[in-house]
Amino acid sequence: MQRRPGDGGAALDDWLGGPVVRDLRASRGDYYVLVAPGAEWNGQEERLGKGSFLVVPRVGNPSMITHWVVPPRYPGNLCSTARLRALLTLAEAMKAAGS
């Protein structure tokens, strides 16, 4: 799978080890980290839940709306919320330090 320049795919893959989708319709280009539906999450970040729909492209088929920043490695591959929390904590610390 070819990565798009600047999407952070390699770094996200190293940190999270699971699938990440980017929605290109919004100017921010929101990222969606795929976790198990019942996984514990106490973060302030928005979590899509019951009744939410996220368009994901078929792996290997480019889309103008969304793309895989990190494609799933195998069926059922999801990200760990503990790893996601660690990444977000680091990002906030770097942001506060002005890095």
N, C-alpha and C. Protein backbone atom coordinates (compact mmCIF):
# COMPACT_ATOMS: atom_id res chain seq x y z
N MET A 1 0.85 -1.18 0.00
CA MET A 1 0.00 0.00 0.00
C MET A 1 0.88 1.22 0.00
N GLN A 2 0.64 2.13 -0.91
CA GLN A 2 1.43 3.35 -1.00
C GLN A 2 0.90 4.40 -0.04
N ARG A 3 1.79 5.01 0.71
CA ARG A 3 1.41 6.06 1.66
C ARG A 3 1.45 7.41 0.97
N ARG A 4 0.62 8.32 1.45
CA ARG A 4 0.64 9.68 0.94
C ARG A 4 1.67 10.48 1.72
N PRO A 5 2.45 11.31 1.04
CA PRO A 5 3.47 12.11 1.74
C PRO A 5 2.84 12.98 2.81
N GLY A 6 3.48 13.02 3.98
CA GLY A 6 3.02 13.90 5.05
C GLY A 6 1.85 13.40 5.85
N ASP A 7 1.38 12.18 5.61
CA ASP A 7 0.21 11.71 6.36
C ASP A 7 0.58 11.06 7.68
N GLY A 8 1.89 10.88 7.93
CA GLY A 8 2.33 10.31 9.21
C GLY A 8 2.12 8.82 9.32
N GLY A 9 1.87 8.15 8.22
CA GLY A 9 1.53 6.74 8.25
C GLY A 9 2.56 5.85 8.92
N ALA A 10 3.83 6.03 8.61
CA ALA A 10 4.87 5.17 9.19
C ALA A 10 4.93 5.35 10.70
N ALA A 11 4.89 6.60 11.16
CA ALA A 11 4.95 6.87 12.61
C ALA A 11 3.71 6.32 13.31
N LEU A 12 2.55 6.51 12.73
CA LEU A 12 1.32 5.99 13.34
C LEU A 12 1.33 4.46 13.38
N ASP A 13 1.83 3.85 12.34
CA ASP A 13 1.92 2.40 12.32
C ASP A 13 2.85 1.90 13.42
N ASP A 14 4.00 2.57 13.60
CA ASP A 14 4.94 2.20 14.66
C ASP A 14 4.30 2.33 16.04
N TRP A 15 3.57 3.41 16.27
CA TRP A 15 2.97 3.67 17.59
C TRP A 15 1.76 2.80 17.87
N LEU A 16 0.88 2.71 16.89
CA LEU A 16 -0.44 2.12 17.14
C LEU A 16 -0.56 0.67 16.72
N GLY A 17 0.15 0.27 15.68
CA GLY A 17 0.10 -1.12 15.23
C GLY A 17 -1.25 -1.57 14.74
N GLY A 18 -2.08 -0.61 14.36
CA GLY A 18 -3.42 -0.95 13.88
C GLY A 18 -3.90 0.08 12.87
N PRO A 19 -5.09 -0.11 12.33
CA PRO A 19 -5.57 0.71 11.23
C PRO A 19 -5.98 2.13 11.62
N VAL A 20 -5.64 3.05 10.70
CA VAL A 20 -5.99 4.47 10.84
C VAL A 20 -6.50 4.95 9.49
N VAL A 21 -7.63 5.64 9.50
CA VAL A 21 -8.25 6.18 8.30
C VAL A 21 -8.21 7.71 8.39
N ARG A 22 -8.00 8.36 7.26
CA ARG A 22 -8.06 9.83 7.22
C ARG A 22 -9.19 10.25 6.31
N ASP A 23 -10.02 11.17 6.81
CA ASP A 23 -11.15 11.71 6.07
C ASP A 23 -10.70 13.01 5.42
N LEU A 24 -10.67 13.04 4.11
CA LEU A 24 -10.17 14.19 3.38
C LEU A 24 -11.24 15.22 3.03
N ARG A 25 -12.48 14.98 3.45
CA ARG A 25 -13.56 15.92 3.12
C ARG A 25 -13.47 17.19 3.94
N ALA A 26 -12.99 17.08 5.17
CA ALA A 26 -12.88 18.26 6.04
C ALA A 26 -11.52 18.92 5.80
N SER A 27 -11.44 20.21 6.00
CA SER A 27 -10.18 20.93 5.78
C SER A 27 -9.09 20.44 6.72
N ARG A 28 -9.47 19.96 7.91
CA ARG A 28 -8.49 19.44 8.88
C ARG A 28 -7.97 18.07 8.48
N GLY A 29 -8.71 17.35 7.68
CA GLY A 29 -8.31 16.00 7.32
C GLY A 29 -8.27 15.10 8.54
N ASP A 30 -9.40 14.99 9.23
CA ASP A 30 -9.48 14.22 10.47
C ASP A 30 -8.95 12.79 10.31
N TYR A 31 -8.30 12.32 11.38
CA TYR A 31 -7.81 10.95 11.46
C TYR A 31 -8.74 10.15 12.36
N TYR A 32 -9.00 8.90 11.98
CA TYR A 32 -9.82 8.01 12.79
C TYR A 32 -9.01 6.75 13.09
N VAL A 33 -8.77 6.53 14.36
CA VAL A 33 -8.03 5.36 14.83
C VAL A 33 -9.07 4.29 15.16
N LEU A 34 -8.94 3.14 14.54
CA LEU A 34 -9.95 2.10 14.72
C LEU A 34 -9.62 1.23 15.93
N VAL A 35 -10.54 1.24 16.89
CA VAL A 35 -10.40 0.46 18.13
C VAL A 35 -11.63 -0.44 18.27
N ALA A 36 -11.54 -1.40 19.16
CA ALA A 36 -12.68 -2.30 19.40
C ALA A 36 -13.87 -1.50 19.92
N PRO A 37 -15.08 -1.84 19.51
CA PRO A 37 -16.26 -1.11 19.95
C PRO A 37 -16.39 -1.00 21.47
N GLY A 38 -16.05 -2.02 22.21
CA GLY A 38 -16.20 -1.98 23.66
C GLY A 38 -14.94 -1.57 24.41
N ALA A 39 -13.92 -1.13 23.68
CA ALA A 39 -12.65 -0.78 24.33
C ALA A 39 -12.84 0.42 25.25
N GLU A 40 -12.19 0.38 26.41
CA GLU A 40 -12.29 1.48 27.36
C GLU A 40 -11.64 2.73 26.80
N TRP A 41 -12.33 3.86 26.93
CA TRP A 41 -11.79 5.14 26.47
C TRP A 41 -12.33 6.25 27.36
N ASN A 42 -11.42 6.94 28.02
CA ASN A 42 -11.80 8.05 28.90
C ASN A 42 -11.25 9.37 28.40
N GLY A 43 -10.79 9.39 27.17
CA GLY A 43 -10.20 10.61 26.62
C GLY A 43 -11.24 11.65 26.27
N GLN A 44 -10.76 12.88 26.10
CA GLN A 44 -11.65 13.98 25.73
C GLN A 44 -11.93 13.98 24.23
N GLU A 45 -11.14 13.23 23.47
CA GLU A 45 -11.32 13.17 22.03
C GLU A 45 -12.63 12.48 21.70
N GLU A 46 -13.23 12.91 20.60
CA GLU A 46 -14.51 12.34 20.19
C GLU A 46 -14.36 10.87 19.82
N ARG A 47 -15.31 10.10 20.26
CA ARG A 47 -15.36 8.69 19.90
C ARG A 47 -16.66 8.42 19.17
N LEU A 48 -16.55 7.86 17.99
CA LEU A 48 -17.75 7.50 17.26
C LEU A 48 -18.35 6.28 17.94
N GLY A 49 -19.65 6.27 18.07
CA GLY A 49 -20.31 5.17 18.76
C GLY A 49 -21.48 4.65 17.96
N LYS A 50 -22.38 4.02 18.67
CA LYS A 50 -23.56 3.42 18.08
C LYS A 50 -24.31 4.47 17.26
N GLY A 51 -24.67 4.11 16.06
CA GLY A 51 -25.38 5.01 15.17
C GLY A 51 -24.47 5.89 14.33
N SER A 52 -23.16 5.76 14.51
CA SER A 52 -22.19 6.51 13.70
C SER A 52 -21.74 5.65 12.53
N PHE A 53 -21.41 6.32 11.45
CA PHE A 53 -20.94 5.63 10.27
C PHE A 53 -19.67 6.32 9.77
N LEU A 54 -18.66 5.54 9.48
CA LEU A 54 -17.40 6.05 8.95
C LEU A 54 -17.14 5.33 7.63
N VAL A 55 -16.98 6.11 6.58
CA VAL A 55 -16.70 5.53 5.28
C VAL A 55 -15.22 5.15 5.23
N VAL A 56 -14.96 3.89 4.96
CA VAL A 56 -13.58 3.44 4.80
C VAL A 56 -13.43 2.84 3.41
N PRO A 57 -12.31 3.12 2.77
CA PRO A 57 -12.12 2.57 1.42
C PRO A 57 -11.74 1.09 1.49
N ARG A 58 -12.00 0.41 0.42
CA ARG A 58 -11.54 -0.98 0.31
C ARG A 58 -10.01 -0.93 0.29
N VAL A 59 -9.36 -1.79 1.04
CA VAL A 59 -7.90 -1.81 1.07
C VAL A 59 -7.37 -2.04 -0.34
N GLY A 60 -6.46 -1.16 -0.77
CA GLY A 60 -5.88 -1.27 -2.10
C GLY A 60 -6.59 -0.45 -3.16
N ASN A 61 -7.77 0.10 -2.84
CA ASN A 61 -8.50 0.94 -3.78
C ASN A 61 -8.47 2.39 -3.31
N PRO A 62 -7.77 3.26 -4.02
CA PRO A 62 -7.72 4.68 -3.62
C PRO A 62 -9.11 5.31 -3.64
N SER A 63 -9.31 6.28 -2.78
CA SER A 63 -10.57 7.00 -2.68
C SER A 63 -10.27 8.49 -2.55
N MET A 64 -11.13 9.30 -3.10
CA MET A 64 -10.98 10.76 -2.98
C MET A 64 -11.53 11.27 -1.66
N ILE A 65 -12.30 10.46 -0.95
CA ILE A 65 -12.96 10.89 0.28
C ILE A 65 -12.15 10.49 1.51
N THR A 66 -11.76 9.25 1.58
CA THR A 66 -10.98 8.75 2.72
C THR A 66 -9.85 7.88 2.19
N HIS A 67 -8.81 7.74 3.00
CA HIS A 67 -7.76 6.79 2.63
C HIS A 67 -7.17 6.17 3.88
N TRP A 68 -6.57 5.00 3.69
CA TRP A 68 -5.91 4.31 4.77
C TRP A 68 -4.55 4.96 5.00
N VAL A 69 -4.35 5.56 6.15
CA VAL A 69 -3.03 6.04 6.54
C VAL A 69 -2.23 4.83 6.99
N VAL A 70 -2.89 3.95 7.74
CA VAL A 70 -2.33 2.65 8.13
C VAL A 70 -3.42 1.62 7.83
N PRO A 71 -3.22 0.80 6.81
CA PRO A 71 -4.23 -0.22 6.51
C PRO A 71 -4.20 -1.34 7.55
N PRO A 72 -5.31 -2.05 7.71
CA PRO A 72 -5.31 -3.19 8.64
C PRO A 72 -4.32 -4.25 8.14
N ARG A 73 -3.63 -4.86 9.09
CA ARG A 73 -2.64 -5.90 8.75
C ARG A 73 -3.30 -7.24 8.46
N TYR A 74 -4.45 -7.46 9.12
CA TYR A 74 -5.16 -8.72 8.97
C TYR A 74 -6.59 -8.48 9.45
N PRO A 75 -7.55 -9.33 9.10
CA PRO A 75 -8.93 -9.14 9.57
C PRO A 75 -8.98 -9.10 11.10
N GLY A 76 -9.65 -8.14 11.64
CA GLY A 76 -9.78 -8.00 13.08
C GLY A 76 -8.68 -7.17 13.73
N ASN A 77 -7.70 -6.72 12.95
CA ASN A 77 -6.60 -5.89 13.47
C ASN A 77 -7.16 -4.53 13.89
N LEU A 78 -7.00 -4.19 15.17
CA LEU A 78 -7.46 -2.90 15.70
C LEU A 78 -6.37 -2.30 16.57
N CYS A 79 -6.48 -1.01 16.84
CA CYS A 79 -5.49 -0.31 17.65
C CYS A 79 -5.80 -0.48 19.13
N SER A 80 -4.76 -0.43 19.93
CA SER A 80 -4.87 -0.48 21.38
C SER A 80 -5.18 0.93 21.90
N THR A 81 -6.17 1.05 22.77
CA THR A 81 -6.47 2.37 23.34
C THR A 81 -5.34 2.83 24.26
N ALA A 82 -4.61 1.91 24.87
CA ALA A 82 -3.47 2.29 25.72
C ALA A 82 -2.38 2.94 24.87
N ARG A 83 -2.11 2.38 23.70
CA ARG A 83 -1.11 2.97 22.80
C ARG A 83 -1.59 4.31 22.26
N LEU A 84 -2.88 4.40 21.96
CA LEU A 84 -3.43 5.67 21.49
C LEU A 84 -3.31 6.73 22.57
N ARG A 85 -3.63 6.39 23.81
CA ARG A 85 -3.51 7.35 24.92
C ARG A 85 -2.06 7.80 25.06
N ALA A 86 -1.10 6.88 24.97
CA ALA A 86 0.32 7.23 25.08
C ALA A 86 0.73 8.20 23.97
N LEU A 87 0.28 7.95 22.75
CA LEU A 87 0.60 8.83 21.63
C LEU A 87 0.01 10.22 21.83
N LEU A 88 -1.24 10.30 22.25
CA LEU A 88 -1.88 11.59 22.46
C LEU A 88 -1.25 12.36 23.62
N THR A 89 -0.83 11.65 24.65
CA THR A 89 -0.15 12.28 25.78
C THR A 89 1.18 12.88 25.33
N LEU A 90 1.93 12.13 24.54
CA LEU A 90 3.20 12.62 24.01
C LEU A 90 2.98 13.84 23.12
N ALA A 91 1.97 13.77 22.26
CA ALA A 91 1.68 14.88 21.36
C ALA A 91 1.34 16.15 22.14
N GLU A 92 0.54 16.01 23.20
CA GLU A 92 0.20 17.17 24.01
C GLU A 92 1.42 17.75 24.71
N ALA A 93 2.30 16.89 25.20
CA ALA A 93 3.53 17.36 25.86
C ALA A 93 4.43 18.09 24.88
N MET A 94 4.55 17.58 23.67
CA MET A 94 5.37 18.23 22.65
C MET A 94 4.76 19.56 22.23
N LYS A 95 3.46 19.60 22.15
CA LYS A 95 2.76 20.84 21.78
C LYS A 95 2.98 21.90 22.87
N ALA A 96 2.88 21.50 24.12
CA ALA A 96 3.08 22.42 25.23
C ALA A 96 4.53 22.93 25.29
N ALA A 97 5.47 22.08 24.89
CA ALA A 97 6.89 22.45 24.91
C ALA A 97 7.29 23.26 23.69
N GLY A 98 6.37 23.35 22.73
CA GLY A 98 6.64 24.12 21.53
C GLY A 98 7.49 23.38 20.50
N SER A 99 7.52 22.06 20.58
CA SER A 99 8.31 21.27 19.63
C SER A 99 7.64 21.18 18.29
